[in-house]
């Protein structure tokens, strides 16, 4: 109930993504997950959790808190809109100016002053820290890190930013669609 879910929350397959908003691999993986949601309409739920890699991206933790403030002010839809917009505008690798966070909120229709107050309050520091601990405790060592939970409860891991479908330009990368197929079988 505390997670951000896109897709059918009652879907037979849940994909938990641990992500860092400054990670270039997470940024490139984000549209791949959207392709998966579209292809498996109603059959998968995408669950987003924060995994800011502080040693590489010290701004990512504040960006994660910002996405939580977006959710606080506008619900699940605002959360996903905020994450989409951050990935759209960030140059990655700690390149986003944190002063832009309230402007991003305003661009997606949130009250800029309320957003700034939320972000300055630090009220979501503990949630981001708990997600980070959950990622590490679950075996995450880098981002994106995904756990696919199948119909039977079996867990499969997508350890990095893999394409949804085979990419002829990058044949060395194994697509993750077969992992979803396996999870749907049981």
Protein backbone atom coordinates (compact mmCIF):
# COMPACT_ATOMS: atom_id res chain seq x y z
CA UNK A 1 0.00 0.00 0.00
CA UNK A 2 2.98 2.35 0.43
CA UNK A 3 4.42 1.55 -3.00
CA UNK A 4 3.94 3.40 -6.25
CA UNK A 5 2.36 1.03 -8.75
CA UNK A 6 1.77 1.47 -12.46
CA UNK A 7 -0.43 -1.06 -14.19
CA UNK A 8 -2.83 -3.48 -12.56
CA UNK A 9 -2.04 -3.75 -8.82
CA UNK A 10 -3.76 -7.16 -8.84
CA UNK A 11 -1.76 -8.43 -11.81
CA UNK A 12 -0.37 -11.96 -11.59
CA UNK A 13 3.19 -10.66 -12.06
CA UNK A 14 4.76 -7.88 -10.03
CA UNK A 15 7.98 -6.21 -11.13
CA UNK A 16 9.70 -4.31 -8.34
CA UNK A 17 12.20 -1.82 -9.72
CA UNK A 18 14.81 -0.30 -7.44
CA UNK A 19 15.91 2.83 -9.27
CA UNK A 20 18.08 5.95 -8.99
CA UNK A 21 16.75 9.09 -10.68
CA UNK A 22 20.27 10.17 -11.69
CA UNK A 23 21.28 6.79 -13.10
CA UNK A 24 21.71 6.85 -16.89
CA UNK A 25 20.89 3.13 -17.07
CA UNK A 26 17.66 3.66 -15.13
CA UNK A 27 16.82 6.50 -17.50
CA UNK A 28 17.32 4.24 -20.54
CA UNK A 29 15.44 1.37 -18.87
CA UNK A 30 12.39 3.46 -17.99
CA UNK A 31 10.87 3.37 -21.52
CA UNK A 32 11.58 -0.37 -21.70
CA UNK A 33 9.35 -0.93 -18.67
CA UNK A 34 6.65 1.16 -20.33
CA UNK A 35 6.86 -1.15 -23.36
CA UNK A 36 6.44 -4.15 -21.05
CA UNK A 37 3.38 -2.60 -19.39
CA UNK A 38 1.81 -1.96 -22.77
CA UNK A 39 2.61 -5.43 -24.12
CA UNK A 40 1.27 -7.18 -20.99
CA UNK A 41 -1.67 -4.89 -20.36
CA UNK A 42 -3.26 -5.94 -17.07
CA UNK A 43 -0.87 -8.84 -16.51
CA UNK A 44 1.99 -7.00 -14.81
CA UNK A 45 2.29 -4.38 -12.10
CA UNK A 46 5.33 -2.11 -12.05
CA UNK A 47 6.33 -1.23 -8.49
CA UNK A 48 8.84 1.59 -8.05
CA UNK A 49 11.19 1.84 -5.08
CA UNK A 50 14.11 4.19 -4.52
CA UNK A 51 17.74 3.05 -4.66
CA UNK A 52 19.80 6.26 -4.72
CA UNK A 53 23.45 5.43 -5.18
CA UNK A 54 24.81 8.17 -2.94
CA UNK A 55 28.46 7.50 -3.74
CA UNK A 56 27.80 8.10 -7.46
CA UNK A 57 24.79 10.39 -7.42
CA UNK A 58 24.57 12.47 -4.22
CA UNK A 59 21.65 14.44 -5.68
CA UNK A 60 19.54 11.32 -6.30
CA UNK A 61 18.34 11.01 -2.72
CA UNK A 62 16.83 14.54 -2.78
CA UNK A 63 15.28 13.77 -6.17
CA UNK A 64 13.73 10.63 -4.69
CA UNK A 65 12.29 12.72 -1.85
CA UNK A 66 10.96 15.15 -4.46
CA UNK A 67 9.10 12.33 -6.23
CA UNK A 68 7.54 11.39 -2.89
CA UNK A 69 6.43 15.00 -2.39
CA UNK A 70 4.85 14.85 -5.85
CA UNK A 71 2.93 11.76 -4.72
CA UNK A 72 1.97 13.48 -1.48
CA UNK A 73 0.45 16.40 -3.38
CA UNK A 74 -0.99 14.60 -6.40
CA UNK A 75 -1.19 10.88 -5.71
CA UNK A 76 0.15 7.96 -7.72
CA UNK A 77 -0.38 9.65 -11.09
CA UNK A 78 1.65 12.67 -10.00
CA UNK A 79 4.42 10.40 -8.72
CA UNK A 80 4.78 8.67 -12.10
CA UNK A 81 4.47 11.96 -14.00
CA UNK A 82 7.22 13.43 -11.84
CA UNK A 83 9.53 10.46 -12.37
CA UNK A 84 8.85 10.60 -16.14
CA UNK A 85 9.68 14.31 -16.22
CA UNK A 86 12.86 13.92 -14.16
CA UNK A 87 14.10 11.20 -16.51
CA UNK A 88 13.16 13.42 -19.45
CA UNK A 89 15.10 16.47 -18.26
CA UNK A 90 18.04 15.11 -16.29
CA UNK A 91 21.37 14.76 -18.05
CA UNK A 92 22.01 11.94 -15.50
CA UNK A 93 25.14 11.28 -13.45
CA UNK A 94 24.34 13.96 -10.90
CA UNK A 95 23.66 16.53 -13.60
CA UNK A 96 20.21 17.80 -12.62
CA UNK A 97 20.16 21.16 -10.85
CA UNK A 98 18.20 20.55 -7.64
CA UNK A 99 16.72 24.06 -7.93
CA UNK A 100 14.69 22.71 -10.86
CA UNK A 101 12.79 20.21 -8.72
CA UNK A 102 9.98 22.65 -7.78
CA UNK A 103 9.74 23.79 -11.40
CA UNK A 104 9.30 20.18 -12.51
CA UNK A 105 6.51 19.86 -9.95
CA UNK A 106 4.84 22.97 -11.32
CA UNK A 107 5.17 21.68 -14.90
CA UNK A 108 3.19 18.56 -13.99
CA UNK A 109 0.47 20.65 -12.37
CA UNK A 110 1.44 20.67 -8.69
CA UNK A 111 1.45 23.68 -6.40
CA UNK A 112 5.06 24.88 -6.39
CA UNK A 113 4.95 26.41 -2.89
CA UNK A 114 3.39 23.33 -1.28
CA UNK A 115 5.93 21.18 -3.10
CA UNK A 116 8.85 23.31 -1.86
CA UNK A 117 7.51 23.14 1.69
CA UNK A 118 7.26 19.36 1.49
CA UNK A 119 10.74 18.99 0.05
CA UNK A 120 12.31 21.33 2.61
CA UNK A 121 10.56 19.50 5.46
CA UNK A 122 12.50 16.28 4.87
CA UNK A 123 9.36 14.27 5.62
CA UNK A 124 10.27 11.58 3.07
CA UNK A 125 13.89 11.02 4.06
CA UNK A 126 12.94 7.93 6.10
CA UNK A 127 10.88 6.41 3.26
CA UNK A 128 13.75 6.83 0.79
CA UNK A 129 16.19 5.37 3.33
CA UNK A 130 13.87 2.40 3.93
CA UNK A 131 13.62 1.72 0.16
CA UNK A 132 17.42 1.91 -0.09
CA UNK A 133 17.82 -0.59 2.75
CA UNK A 134 15.22 -2.86 1.14
CA UNK A 135 17.15 -2.76 -2.15
CA UNK A 136 20.42 -3.74 -0.49
CA UNK A 137 18.77 -6.39 1.70
CA UNK A 138 17.15 -7.83 -1.46
CA UNK A 139 20.52 -8.24 -3.20
CA UNK A 140 20.72 -4.99 -5.13
CA UNK A 141 24.22 -3.78 -5.88
CA UNK A 142 23.53 -1.41 -8.76
CA UNK A 143 20.68 0.22 -10.62
CA UNK A 144 18.29 -0.54 -12.02
CA UNK A 145 17.75 -3.68 -9.98
CA UNK A 146 14.50 -5.55 -10.52
CA UNK A 147 12.77 -8.44 -8.83
CA UNK A 148 10.05 -10.16 -10.83
CA UNK A 149 7.53 -12.01 -8.68
CA UNK A 150 5.60 -14.62 -10.64
CA UNK A 151 2.12 -16.04 -10.20
CA UNK A 152 3.39 -18.74 -7.87
CA UNK A 153 5.48 -16.31 -5.82
CA UNK A 154 8.73 -17.42 -7.46
CA UNK A 155 11.24 -14.58 -7.74
CA UNK A 156 13.43 -13.87 -10.74
CA UNK A 157 15.98 -11.07 -11.01
CA UNK A 158 16.65 -8.60 -13.79
CA UNK A 159 20.08 -7.38 -12.69
CA UNK A 160 20.53 -4.41 -14.99
CA UNK A 161 19.06 -2.23 -17.74
CA UNK A 162 18.11 -4.88 -20.25
CA UNK A 163 15.97 -4.20 -23.32
CA UNK A 164 12.40 -5.47 -23.30
CA UNK A 165 12.80 -7.04 -26.75
CA UNK A 166 15.91 -8.25 -28.53
CA UNK A 167 17.85 -5.32 -29.96
CA UNK A 168 19.69 -6.10 -33.22
CA UNK A 169 21.99 -3.16 -32.53
CA UNK A 170 22.98 -4.70 -29.17
CA UNK A 171 22.76 -8.47 -29.58
CA UNK A 172 24.91 -9.03 -26.48
CA UNK A 173 22.03 -7.87 -24.26
CA UNK A 174 19.48 -10.50 -23.33
CA UNK A 175 15.94 -9.12 -23.42
CA UNK A 176 13.80 -9.36 -20.29
CA UNK A 177 10.56 -10.32 -22.04
CA UNK A 178 11.34 -14.05 -21.54
CA UNK A 179 11.65 -13.42 -17.79
CA UNK A 180 8.12 -12.00 -17.76
CA UNK A 181 6.88 -14.97 -19.82
CA UNK A 182 8.43 -17.36 -17.31
CA UNK A 183 6.87 -15.44 -14.41
CA UNK A 184 3.43 -15.60 -16.05
CA UNK A 185 3.68 -19.39 -16.35
CA UNK A 186 4.12 -19.73 -12.64
